[in-house]
Amino acid sequence: MEHPVNIKGVVKNMEWTNPHVFIFLDVKDESGNVEEWRVEGNSPNMLTRVGWRKEMINPGDALQVNGAQAKNGSKVMRLISLTLANGQKFDGQGFK
């Protein structure tokens, strides 16, 4: 969590399941190649408490996410915050 990264991508899929929500994003790298990132948020219960709804993220939606990338450099991230295309921002840990 000490080295946050910001990425923009298009939602490929979202898994609204316990114990954690997962968002799969297609993200273009510097060369224009598409890479799939797996973004892990907190539990659906915690996220619902701070305003998330299962229906708010759908395949094809553009998102900006802020989080901590896996230490091994893989395209996996622990979500800190998420911004929808309309500019609405949500906490990814379920805290206010």
PDB file of N, CA and C in Angstrom:
ATOM      1  N   MET A   1       0.815  -1.185   0.000  1.00  0.00           N
ATOM      2  CA  MET A   1       0.000   0.000   0.000  1.00  0.00           C
ATOM      3  C   MET A   1       0.868   1.262   0.000  1.00  0.00           C
ATOM      4  N   GLU A   2       2.186   1.088   0.130  1.00  0.00           N
ATOM      5  CA  GLU A   2       3.109   2.231   0.193  1.00  0.00           C
ATOM      6  C   GLU A   2       3.374   2.857  -1.171  1.00  0.00           C
ATOM      7  N   HIS A   3       3.074   2.135  -2.250  1.00  0.00           N
ATOM      8  CA  HIS A   3       3.362   2.621  -3.597  1.00  0.00           C
ATOM      9  C   HIS A   3       2.099   2.559  -4.454  1.00  0.00           C
ATOM     10  N   PRO A   4       1.154   3.490  -4.237  1.00  0.00           N
ATOM     11  CA  PRO A   4      -0.091   3.446  -5.005  1.00  0.00           C
ATOM     12  C   PRO A   4       0.118   3.734  -6.482  1.00  0.00           C
ATOM     13  N   VAL A   5      -0.717   3.126  -7.301  1.00  0.00           N
ATOM     14  CA  VAL A   5      -0.711   3.372  -8.740  1.00  0.00           C
ATOM     15  C   VAL A   5      -2.122   3.751  -9.172  1.00  0.00           C
ATOM     16  N   ASN A   6      -2.215   4.538 -10.234  1.00  0.00           N
ATOM     17  CA  ASN A   6      -3.490   4.926 -10.828  1.00  0.00           C
ATOM     18  C   ASN A   6      -3.554   4.354 -12.228  1.00  0.00           C
ATOM     19  N   ILE A   7      -4.659   3.695 -12.536  1.00  0.00           N
ATOM     20  CA  ILE A   7      -4.840   3.175 -13.885  1.00  0.00           C
ATOM     21  C   ILE A   7      -6.251   3.494 -14.366  1.00  0.00           C
ATOM     22  N   LYS A   8      -6.379   3.596 -15.680  1.00  0.00           N
ATOM     23  CA  LYS A   8      -7.680   3.772 -16.324  1.00  0.00           C
ATOM     24  C   LYS A   8      -7.893   2.575 -17.222  1.00  0.00           C
ATOM     25  N   GLY A   9      -9.108   2.065 -17.211  1.00  0.00           N
ATOM     26  CA  GLY A   9      -9.386   0.922 -18.047  1.00  0.00           C
ATOM     27  C   GLY A   9     -10.864   0.739 -18.282  1.00  0.00           C
ATOM     28  N   VAL A  10     -11.179  -0.318 -19.010  1.00  0.00           N
ATOM     29  CA  VAL A  10     -12.553  -0.664 -19.351  1.00  0.00           C
ATOM     30  C   VAL A  10     -12.888  -1.976 -18.649  1.00  0.00           C
ATOM     31  N   VAL A  11     -14.030  -2.004 -17.998  1.00  0.00           N
ATOM     32  CA  VAL A  11     -14.447  -3.182 -17.244  1.00  0.00           C
ATOM     33  C   VAL A  11     -14.702  -4.348 -18.188  1.00  0.00           C
ATOM     34  N   LYS A  12     -14.038  -5.448 -17.884  1.00  0.00           N
ATOM     35  CA  LYS A  12     -14.263  -6.696 -18.613  1.00  0.00           C
ATOM     36  C   LYS A  12     -15.304  -7.533 -17.871  1.00  0.00           C
ATOM     37  N   ASN A  13     -15.181  -7.543 -16.530  1.00  0.00           N
ATOM     38  CA  ASN A  13     -16.074  -8.341 -15.700  1.00  0.00           C
ATOM     39  C   ASN A  13     -15.963  -7.856 -14.258  1.00  0.00           C
ATOM     40  N   MET A  14     -17.030  -8.047 -13.480  1.00  0.00           N
ATOM     41  CA  MET A  14     -16.965  -7.790 -12.043  1.00  0.00           C
ATOM     42  C   MET A  14     -17.572  -8.973 -11.320  1.00  0.00           C
ATOM     43  N   GLU A  15     -16.887  -9.434 -10.272  1.00  0.00           N
ATOM     44  CA  GLU A  15     -17.383 -10.528  -9.438  1.00  0.00           C
ATOM     45  C   GLU A  15     -17.783  -9.936  -8.087  1.00  0.00           C
ATOM     46  N   TRP A  16     -19.075  -9.866  -7.824  1.00  0.00           N
ATOM     47  CA  TRP A  16     -19.637  -9.312  -6.589  1.00  0.00           C
ATOM     48  C   TRP A  16     -19.855 -10.489  -5.646  1.00  0.00           C
ATOM     49  N   THR A  17     -18.773 -10.993  -5.061  1.00  0.00           N
ATOM     50  CA  THR A  17     -18.834 -12.197  -4.237  1.00  0.00           C
ATOM     51  C   THR A  17     -18.006 -12.019  -2.979  1.00  0.00           C
ATOM     52  N   ASN A  18     -18.326 -12.820  -1.972  1.00  0.00           N
ATOM     53  CA  ASN A  18     -17.503 -12.867  -0.761  1.00  0.00           C
ATOM     54  C   ASN A  18     -16.320 -13.781  -1.010  1.00  0.00           C
ATOM     55  N   PRO A  19     -15.172 -13.560  -0.425  1.00  0.00           N
ATOM     56  CA  PRO A  19     -14.970 -12.546   0.601  1.00  0.00           C
ATOM     57  C   PRO A  19     -14.619 -11.168   0.056  1.00  0.00           C
ATOM     58  N   HIS A  20     -14.262 -11.043  -1.235  1.00  0.00           N
ATOM     59  CA  HIS A  20     -13.902  -9.748  -1.802  1.00  0.00           C
ATOM     60  C   HIS A  20     -14.488  -9.586  -3.198  1.00  0.00           C
ATOM     61  N   VAL A  21     -14.768  -8.333  -3.536  1.00  0.00           N
ATOM     62  CA  VAL A  21     -15.217  -7.990  -4.880  1.00  0.00           C
ATOM     63  C   VAL A  21     -13.992  -7.914  -5.788  1.00  0.00           C
ATOM     64  N   PHE A  22     -14.107  -8.453  -7.002  1.00  0.00           N
ATOM     65  CA  PHE A  22     -13.030  -8.368  -7.981  1.00  0.00           C
ATOM     66  C   PHE A  22     -13.551  -7.677  -9.236  1.00  0.00           C
ATOM     67  N   ILE A  23     -12.758  -6.729  -9.743  1.00  0.00           N
ATOM     68  CA  ILE A  23     -13.067  -6.056 -10.991  1.00  0.00           C
ATOM     69  C   ILE A  23     -11.931  -6.383 -11.954  1.00  0.00           C
ATOM     70  N   PHE A  24     -12.271  -6.863 -13.131  1.00  0.00           N
ATOM     71  CA  PHE A  24     -11.277  -7.177 -14.149  1.00  0.00           C
ATOM     72  C   PHE A  24     -11.314  -6.065 -15.186  1.00  0.00           C
ATOM     73  N   LEU A  25     -10.186  -5.393 -15.366  1.00  0.00           N
ATOM     74  CA  LEU A  25     -10.095  -4.244 -16.262  1.00  0.00           C
ATOM     75  C   LEU A  25      -9.154  -4.521 -17.414  1.00  0.00           C
ATOM     76  N   ASP A  26      -9.532  -4.072 -18.604  1.00  0.00           N
ATOM     77  CA  ASP A  26      -8.627  -4.061 -19.750  1.00  0.00           C
ATOM     78  C   ASP A  26      -7.978  -2.680 -19.775  1.00  0.00           C
ATOM     79  N   VAL A  27      -6.661  -2.657 -19.627  1.00  0.00           N
ATOM     80  CA  VAL A  27      -5.896  -1.414 -19.518  1.00  0.00           C
ATOM     81  C   VAL A  27      -4.855  -1.378 -20.627  1.00  0.00           C
ATOM     82  N   LYS A  28      -4.768  -0.249 -21.343  1.00  0.00           N
ATOM     83  CA  LYS A  28      -3.744  -0.099 -22.379  1.00  0.00           C
ATOM     84  C   LYS A  28      -2.438   0.332 -21.741  1.00  0.00           C
ATOM     85  N   ASP A  29      -1.344  -0.361 -22.126  1.00  0.00           N
ATOM     86  CA  ASP A  29      -0.021   0.035 -21.646  1.00  0.00           C
ATOM     87  C   ASP A  29       0.531   1.159 -22.516  1.00  0.00           C
ATOM     88  N   GLU A  30       1.759   1.570 -22.260  1.00  0.00           N
ATOM     89  CA  GLU A  30       2.375   2.681 -22.991  1.00  0.00           C
ATOM     90  C   GLU A  30       2.469   2.427 -24.496  1.00  0.00           C
ATOM     91  N   SER A  31       2.534   1.154 -24.886  1.00  0.00           N
ATOM     92  CA  SER A  31       2.648   0.788 -26.298  1.00  0.00           C
ATOM     93  C   SER A  31       1.299   0.596 -26.978  1.00  0.00           C
ATOM     94  N   GLY A  32       0.223   0.720 -26.218  1.00  0.00           N
ATOM     95  CA  GLY A  32      -1.108   0.528 -26.785  1.00  0.00           C
ATOM     96  C   GLY A  32      -1.624  -0.889 -26.680  1.00  0.00           C
ATOM     97  N   ASN A  33      -0.812  -1.785 -26.086  1.00  0.00           N
ATOM     98  CA  ASN A  33      -1.256  -3.165 -25.889  1.00  0.00           C
ATOM     99  C   ASN A  33      -2.202  -3.239 -24.697  1.00  0.00           C
ATOM    100  N   VAL A  34      -3.207  -4.105 -24.791  1.00  0.00           N
ATOM    101  CA  VAL A  34      -4.181  -4.252 -23.712  1.00  0.00           C
ATOM    102  C   VAL A  34      -3.705  -5.319 -22.733  1.00  0.00           C
ATOM    103  N   GLU A  35      -3.709  -4.944 -21.453  1.00  0.00           N
ATOM    104  CA  GLU A  35      -3.346  -5.867 -20.375  1.00  0.00           C
ATOM    105  C   GLU A  35      -4.547  -5.998 -19.446  1.00  0.00           C
ATOM    106  N   GLU A  36      -4.800  -7.208 -18.967  1.00  0.00           N
ATOM    107  CA  GLU A  36      -5.888  -7.389 -18.009  1.00  0.00           C
ATOM    108  C   GLU A  36      -5.351  -7.219 -16.595  1.00  0.00           C
ATOM    109  N   TRP A  37      -5.994  -6.357 -15.833  1.00  0.00           N
ATOM    110  CA  TRP A  37      -5.681  -6.146 -14.419  1.00  0.00           C
ATOM    111  C   TRP A  37      -6.804  -6.733 -13.583  1.00  0.00           C
ATOM    112  N   ARG A  38      -6.444  -7.342 -12.464  1.00  0.00           N
ATOM    113  CA  ARG A  38      -7.426  -7.823 -11.488  1.00  0.00           C
ATOM    114  C   ARG A  38      -7.372  -6.869 -10.299  1.00  0.00           C
ATOM    115  N   VAL A  39      -8.488  -6.221 -10.016  1.00  0.00           N
ATOM    116  CA  VAL A  39      -8.566  -5.220  -8.958  1.00  0.00           C
ATOM    117  C   VAL A  39      -9.429  -5.791  -7.838  1.00  0.00           C
ATOM    118  N   GLU A  40      -8.855  -5.872  -6.631  1.00  0.00           N
ATOM    119  CA  GLU A  40      -9.543  -6.477  -5.495  1.00  0.00           C
ATOM    120  C   GLU A  40      -9.999  -5.413  -4.509  1.00  0.00           C
ATOM    121  N   GLY A  41     -11.316  -5.363  -4.275  1.00  0.00           N
ATOM    122  CA  GLY A  41     -11.881  -4.475  -3.271  1.00  0.00           C
ATOM    123  C   GLY A  41     -12.239  -5.264  -2.024  1.00  0.00           C
ATOM    124  N   ASN A  42     -12.898  -4.617  -1.095  1.00  0.00           N
ATOM    125  CA  ASN A  42     -13.301  -5.284   0.131  1.00  0.00           C
ATOM    126  C   ASN A  42     -14.556  -6.113  -0.132  1.00  0.00           C
ATOM    127  N   SER A  43     -15.188  -6.608   0.914  1.00  0.00           N
ATOM    128  CA  SER A  43     -16.377  -7.451   0.770  1.00  0.00           C
ATOM    129  C   SER A  43     -17.571  -6.642   0.278  1.00  0.00           C
ATOM    130  N   PRO A  44     -18.521  -7.298  -0.389  1.00  0.00           N
ATOM    131  CA  PRO A  44     -19.725  -6.593  -0.819  1.00  0.00           C
ATOM    132  C   PRO A  44     -20.432  -5.891   0.347  1.00  0.00           C
ATOM    133  N   ASN A  45     -20.453  -6.508   1.500  1.00  0.00           N
ATOM    134  CA  ASN A  45     -21.107  -5.915   2.669  1.00  0.00           C
ATOM    135  C   ASN A  45     -20.446  -4.592   3.060  1.00  0.00           C
ATOM    136  N   MET A  46     -19.129  -4.583   3.143  1.00  0.00           N
ATOM    137  CA  MET A  46     -18.407  -3.356   3.511  1.00  0.00           C
ATOM    138  C   MET A  46     -18.589  -2.277   2.453  1.00  0.00           C
ATOM    139  N   LEU A  47     -18.527  -2.645   1.182  1.00  0.00           N
ATOM    140  CA  LEU A  47     -18.653  -1.665   0.110  1.00  0.00           C
ATOM    141  C   LEU A  47     -20.069  -1.094   0.031  1.00  0.00           C
ATOM    142  N   THR A  48     -21.075  -1.925   0.275  1.00  0.00           N
ATOM    143  CA  THR A  48     -22.453  -1.452   0.270  1.00  0.00           C
ATOM    144  C   THR A  48     -22.661  -0.377   1.329  1.00  0.00           C
ATOM    145  N   ARG A  49     -21.997  -0.510   2.462  1.00  0.00           N
ATOM    146  CA  ARG A  49     -22.123   0.465   3.556  1.00  0.00           C
ATOM    147  C   ARG A  49     -21.641   1.866   3.165  1.00  0.00           C
ATOM    148  N   VAL A  50     -20.753   1.952   2.172  1.00  0.00           N
ATOM    149  CA  VAL A  50     -20.240   3.267   1.755  1.00  0.00           C
ATOM    150  C   VAL A  50     -20.786   3.676   0.384  1.00  0.00           C
ATOM    151  N   GLY A  51     -21.905   3.055  -0.033  1.00  0.00           N
ATOM    152  CA  GLY A  51     -22.599   3.526  -1.222  1.00  0.00           C
ATOM    153  C   GLY A  51     -22.478   2.704  -2.486  1.00  0.00           C
ATOM    154  N   TRP A  52     -21.677   1.637  -2.469  1.00  0.00           N
ATOM    155  CA  TRP A  52     -21.561   0.807  -3.661  1.00  0.00           C
ATOM    156  C   TRP A  52     -22.874   0.053  -3.884  1.00  0.00           C
ATOM    157  N   ARG A  53     -23.147  -0.254  -5.166  1.00  0.00           N
ATOM    158  CA  ARG A  53     -24.232  -1.130  -5.562  1.00  0.00           C
ATOM    159  C   ARG A  53     -23.696  -2.074  -6.635  1.00  0.00           C
ATOM    160  N   LYS A  54     -24.152  -3.280  -6.626  1.00  0.00           N
ATOM    161  CA  LYS A  54     -23.687  -4.260  -7.602  1.00  0.00           C
ATOM    162  C   LYS A  54     -23.877  -3.751  -9.033  1.00  0.00           C
ATOM    163  N   GLU A  55     -24.971  -3.026  -9.278  1.00  0.00           N
ATOM    164  CA  GLU A  55     -25.330  -2.587 -10.635  1.00  0.00           C
ATOM    165  C   GLU A  55     -24.550  -1.369 -11.106  1.00  0.00           C
ATOM    166  N   MET A  56     -23.724  -0.766 -10.250  1.00  0.00           N
ATOM    167  CA  MET A  56     -23.060   0.488 -10.643  1.00  0.00           C
ATOM    168  C   MET A  56     -21.871   0.271 -11.584  1.00  0.00           C
ATOM    169  N   ILE A  57     -21.384  -0.954 -11.701  1.00  0.00           N
ATOM    170  CA  ILE A  57     -20.253  -1.254 -12.581  1.00  0.00           C
ATOM    171  C   ILE A  57     -20.658  -2.392 -13.515  1.00  0.00           C
ATOM    172  N   ASN A  58     -20.521  -2.123 -14.808  1.00  0.00           N
ATOM    173  CA  ASN A  58     -20.924  -3.099 -15.823  1.00  0.00           C
ATOM    174  C   ASN A  58     -19.822  -3.267 -16.865  1.00  0.00           C
ATOM    175  N   PRO A  59     -19.787  -4.427 -17.540  1.00  0.00           N
ATOM    176  CA  PRO A  59     -18.820  -4.600 -18.624  1.00  0.00           C
ATOM    177  C   PRO A  59     -18.933  -3.458 -19.633  1.00  0.00           C
ATOM    178  N   GLY A  60     -17.780  -2.943 -20.052  1.00  0.00           N
ATOM    179  CA  GLY A  60     -17.739  -1.848 -21.004  1.00  0.00           C
ATOM    180  C   GLY A  60     -17.610  -0.478 -20.360  1.00  0.00           C
ATOM    181  N   ASP A  61     -17.848  -0.381 -19.044  1.00  0.00           N
ATOM    182  CA  ASP A  61     -17.715   0.901 -18.346  1.00  0.00           C
ATOM    183  C   ASP A  61     -16.249   1.303 -18.229  1.00  0.00           C
ATOM    184  N   ALA A  62     -15.989   2.597 -18.370  1.00  0.00           N
ATOM    185  CA  ALA A  62     -14.641   3.133 -18.164  1.00  0.00           C
ATOM    186  C   ALA A  62     -14.492   3.495 -16.689  1.00  0.00           C
ATOM    187  N   LEU A  63     -13.379   3.090 -16.087  1.00  0.00           N
ATOM    188  CA  LEU A  63     -13.096   3.369 -14.682  1.00  0.00           C
ATOM    189  C   LEU A  63     -11.684   3.892 -14.515  1.00  0.00           C
ATOM    190  N   GLN A  64     -11.497   4.644 -13.453  1.00  0.00           N
ATOM    191  CA  GLN A  64     -10.152   4.996 -12.998  1.00  0.00           C
ATOM    192  C   GLN A  64     -10.033   4.407 -11.601  1.00  0.00           C
ATOM    193  N   VAL A  65      -8.967   3.667 -11.364  1.00  0.00           N
ATOM    194  CA  VAL A  65      -8.769   3.058 -10.051  1.00  0.00           C
ATOM    195  C   VAL A  65      -7.415   3.454  -9.486  1.00  0.00           C
ATOM    196  N   ASN A  66      -7.398   3.571  -8.169  1.00  0.00           N
ATOM    197  CA  ASN A  66      -6.192   3.865  -7.419  1.00  0.00           C
ATOM    198  C   ASN A  66      -6.015   2.717  -6.441  1.00  0.00           C
ATOM    199  N   GLY A  67      -4.811   2.180  -6.389  1.00  0.00           N
ATOM    200  CA  GLY A  67      -4.585   1.063  -5.481  1.00  0.00           C
ATOM    201  C   GLY A  67      -3.121   0.716  -5.373  1.00  0.00           C
ATOM    202  N   ALA A  68      -2.876  -0.398  -4.710  1.00  0.00           N
ATOM    203  CA  ALA A  68      -1.514  -0.871  -4.495  1.00  0.00           C
ATOM    204  C   ALA A  68      -1.292  -2.119  -5.335  1.00  0.00           C
ATOM    205  N   GLN A  69      -0.318  -2.048  -6.239  1.00  0.00           N
ATOM    206  CA  GLN A  69      -0.005  -3.182  -7.100  1.00  0.00           C
ATOM    207  C   GLN A  69       0.688  -4.273  -6.298  1.00  0.00           C
ATOM    208  N   ALA A  70       0.504  -5.500  -6.714  1.00  0.00           N
ATOM    209  CA  ALA A  70       1.158  -6.642  -6.074  1.00  0.00           C
ATOM    210  C   ALA A  70       2.672  -6.446  -6.057  1.00  0.00           C
ATOM    211  N   LYS A  71       3.307  -6.888  -4.982  1.00  0.00           N
ATOM    212  CA  LYS A  71       4.755  -6.724  -4.838  1.00  0.00           C
ATOM    213  C   LYS A  71       5.543  -7.423  -5.931  1.00  0.00           C
ATOM    214  N   ASN A  72       4.986  -8.511  -6.484  1.00  0.00           N
ATOM    215  CA  ASN A  72       5.718  -9.253  -7.514  1.00  0.00           C
ATOM    216  C   ASN A  72       5.582  -8.622  -8.900  1.00  0.00           C
ATOM    217  N   GLY A  73       4.874  -7.487  -8.990  1.00  0.00           N
ATOM    218  CA  GLY A  73       4.755  -6.776 -10.257  1.00  0.00           C
ATOM    219  C   GLY A  73       3.659  -7.275 -11.179  1.00  0.00           C
ATOM    220  N   SER A  74       2.913  -8.293 -10.743  1.00  0.00           N
ATOM    221  CA  SER A  74       1.833  -8.796 -11.593  1.00  0.00           C
ATOM    222  C   SER A  74       0.723  -7.748 -11.678  1.00  0.00           C
ATOM    223  N   LYS A  75      -0.165  -7.930 -12.609  1.00  0.00           N
ATOM    224  CA  LYS A  75      -1.242  -6.974 -12.867  1.00  0.00           C
ATOM    225  C   LYS A  75      -2.415  -7.238 -11.922  1.00  0.00           C
ATOM    226  N   VAL A  76      -2.105  -7.174 -10.639  1.00  0.00           N
ATOM    227  CA  VAL A  76      -3.074  -7.380  -9.566  1.00  0.00           C
ATOM    228  C   VAL A  76      -2.963  -6.186  -8.630  1.00  0.00           C
ATOM    229  N   MET A  77      -4.115  -5.666  -8.186  1.00  0.00           N
ATOM    230  CA  MET A  77      -4.109  -4.458  -7.372  1.00  0.00           C
ATOM    231  C   MET A  77      -5.108  -4.584  -6.234  1.00  0.00           C
ATOM    232  N   ARG A  78      -4.730  -4.095  -5.065  1.00  0.00           N
ATOM    233  CA  ARG A  78      -5.658  -3.926  -3.939  1.00  0.00           C
ATOM    234  C   ARG A  78      -6.247  -2.529  -4.072  1.00  0.00           C
ATOM    235  N   LEU A  79      -7.556  -2.439  -4.184  1.00  0.00           N
ATOM    236  CA  LEU A  79      -8.241  -1.183  -4.464  1.00  0.00           C
ATOM    237  C   LEU A  79      -8.231  -0.236  -3.271  1.00  0.00           C
ATOM    238  N   ILE A  80      -7.870   1.011  -3.521  1.00  0.00           N
ATOM    239  CA  ILE A  80      -7.976   2.079  -2.522  1.00  0.00           C
ATOM    240  C   ILE A  80      -9.206   2.932  -2.839  1.00  0.00           C
ATOM    241  N   SER A  81      -9.332   3.361  -4.092  1.00  0.00           N
ATOM    242  CA  SER A  81     -10.507   4.132  -4.499  1.00  0.00           C
ATOM    243  C   SER A  81     -10.786   3.911  -5.977  1.00  0.00           C
ATOM    244  N   LEU A  82     -12.015   4.239  -6.360  1.00  0.00           N
ATOM    245  CA  LEU A  82     -12.478   4.026  -7.717  1.00  0.00           C
ATOM    246  C   LEU A  82     -13.277   5.253  -8.148  1.00  0.00           C
ATOM    247  N   THR A  83     -13.081   5.674  -9.395  1.00  0.00           N
ATOM    248  CA  THR A  83     -13.847   6.790  -9.946  1.00  0.00           C
ATOM    249  C   THR A  83     -14.567   6.315 -11.198  1.00  0.00           C
ATOM    250  N   LEU A  84     -15.887   6.521 -11.195  1.00  0.00           N
ATOM    251  CA  LEU A  84     -16.703   6.161 -12.357  1.00  0.00           C
ATOM    252  C   LEU A  84     -16.512   7.191 -13.458  1.00  0.00           C
ATOM    253  N   ALA A  85     -16.983   6.863 -14.656  1.00  0.00           N
ATOM    254  CA  ALA A  85     -16.851   7.768 -15.804  1.00  0.00           C
ATOM    255  C   ALA A  85     -17.543   9.109 -15.561  1.00  0.00           C
ATOM    256  N   ASN A  86     -18.580   9.134 -14.720  1.00  0.00           N
ATOM    257  CA  ASN A  86     -19.297  10.377 -14.427  1.00  0.00           C
ATOM    258  C   ASN A  86     -18.614  11.229 -13.360  1.00  0.00           C
ATOM    259  N   GLY A  87     -17.446  10.754 -12.866  1.00  0.00           N
ATOM    260  CA  GLY A  87     -16.686  11.509 -11.868  1.00  0.00           C
ATOM    261  C   GLY A  87     -16.994  11.137 -10.432  1.00  0.00           C
ATOM    262  N   GLN A  88     -17.974  10.279 -10.213  1.00  0.00           N
ATOM    263  CA  GLN A  88     -18.334   9.872  -8.862  1.00  0.00           C
ATOM    264  C   GLN A  88     -17.251   8.946  -8.302  1.00  0.00           C
ATOM    265  N   LYS A  89     -16.775   9.271  -7.075  1.00  0.00           N
ATOM    266  CA  LYS A  89     -15.667   8.538  -6.470  1.00  0.00           C
ATOM    267  C   LYS A  89     -16.166   7.686  -5.307  1.00  0.00           C
ATOM    268  N   PHE A  90     -15.599   6.477  -5.202  1.00  0.00           N
ATOM    269  CA  PHE A  90     -15.970   5.541  -4.152  1.00  0.00           C
ATOM    270  C   PHE A  90     -14.728   4.980  -3.476  1.00  0.00           C
ATOM    271  N   ASP A  91     -14.836   4.780  -2.165  1.00  0.00           N
ATOM    272  CA  ASP A  91     -13.776   4.132  -1.394  1.00  0.00           C
ATOM    273  C   ASP A  91     -13.794   2.642  -1.714  1.00  0.00           C
ATOM    274  N   GLY A  92     -12.622   2.054  -1.889  1.00  0.00           N
ATOM    275  CA  GLY A  92     -12.531   0.639  -2.240  1.00  0.00           C
ATOM    276  C   GLY A  92     -12.352  -0.289  -1.065  1.00  0.00           C
ATOM    277  N   GLN A  93     -12.195   0.285   0.132  1.00  0.00           N
ATOM    278  CA  GLN A  93     -12.002  -0.528   1.321  1.00  0.00           C
ATOM    279  C   GLN A  93     -13.273  -0.643   2.149  1.00  0.00           C
ATOM    280  N   GLY A  94     -14.250   0.225   1.898  1.00  0.00           N
ATOM    281  CA  GLY A  94     -15.494   0.179   2.647  1.00  0.00           C
ATOM    282  C   GLY A  94     -15.477   1.064   3.873  1.00  0.00           C
ATOM    283  N   PHE A  95     -14.597   2.053   3.886  1.00  0.00           N
ATOM    284  CA  PHE A  95     -14.515   2.988   5.001  1.00  0.00           C
ATOM    285  C   PHE A  95     -14.997   4.353   4.545  1.00  0.00           C
ATOM    286  N   LYS A  96     -15.517   5.128   5.462  1.00  0.00           N
ATOM    287  CA  LYS A  96     -15.968   6.492   5.119  1.00  0.00           C
ATOM    288  C   LYS A  96     -14.854   7.475   5.280  1.00  0.00           C
TER     289      LYS A  96
END
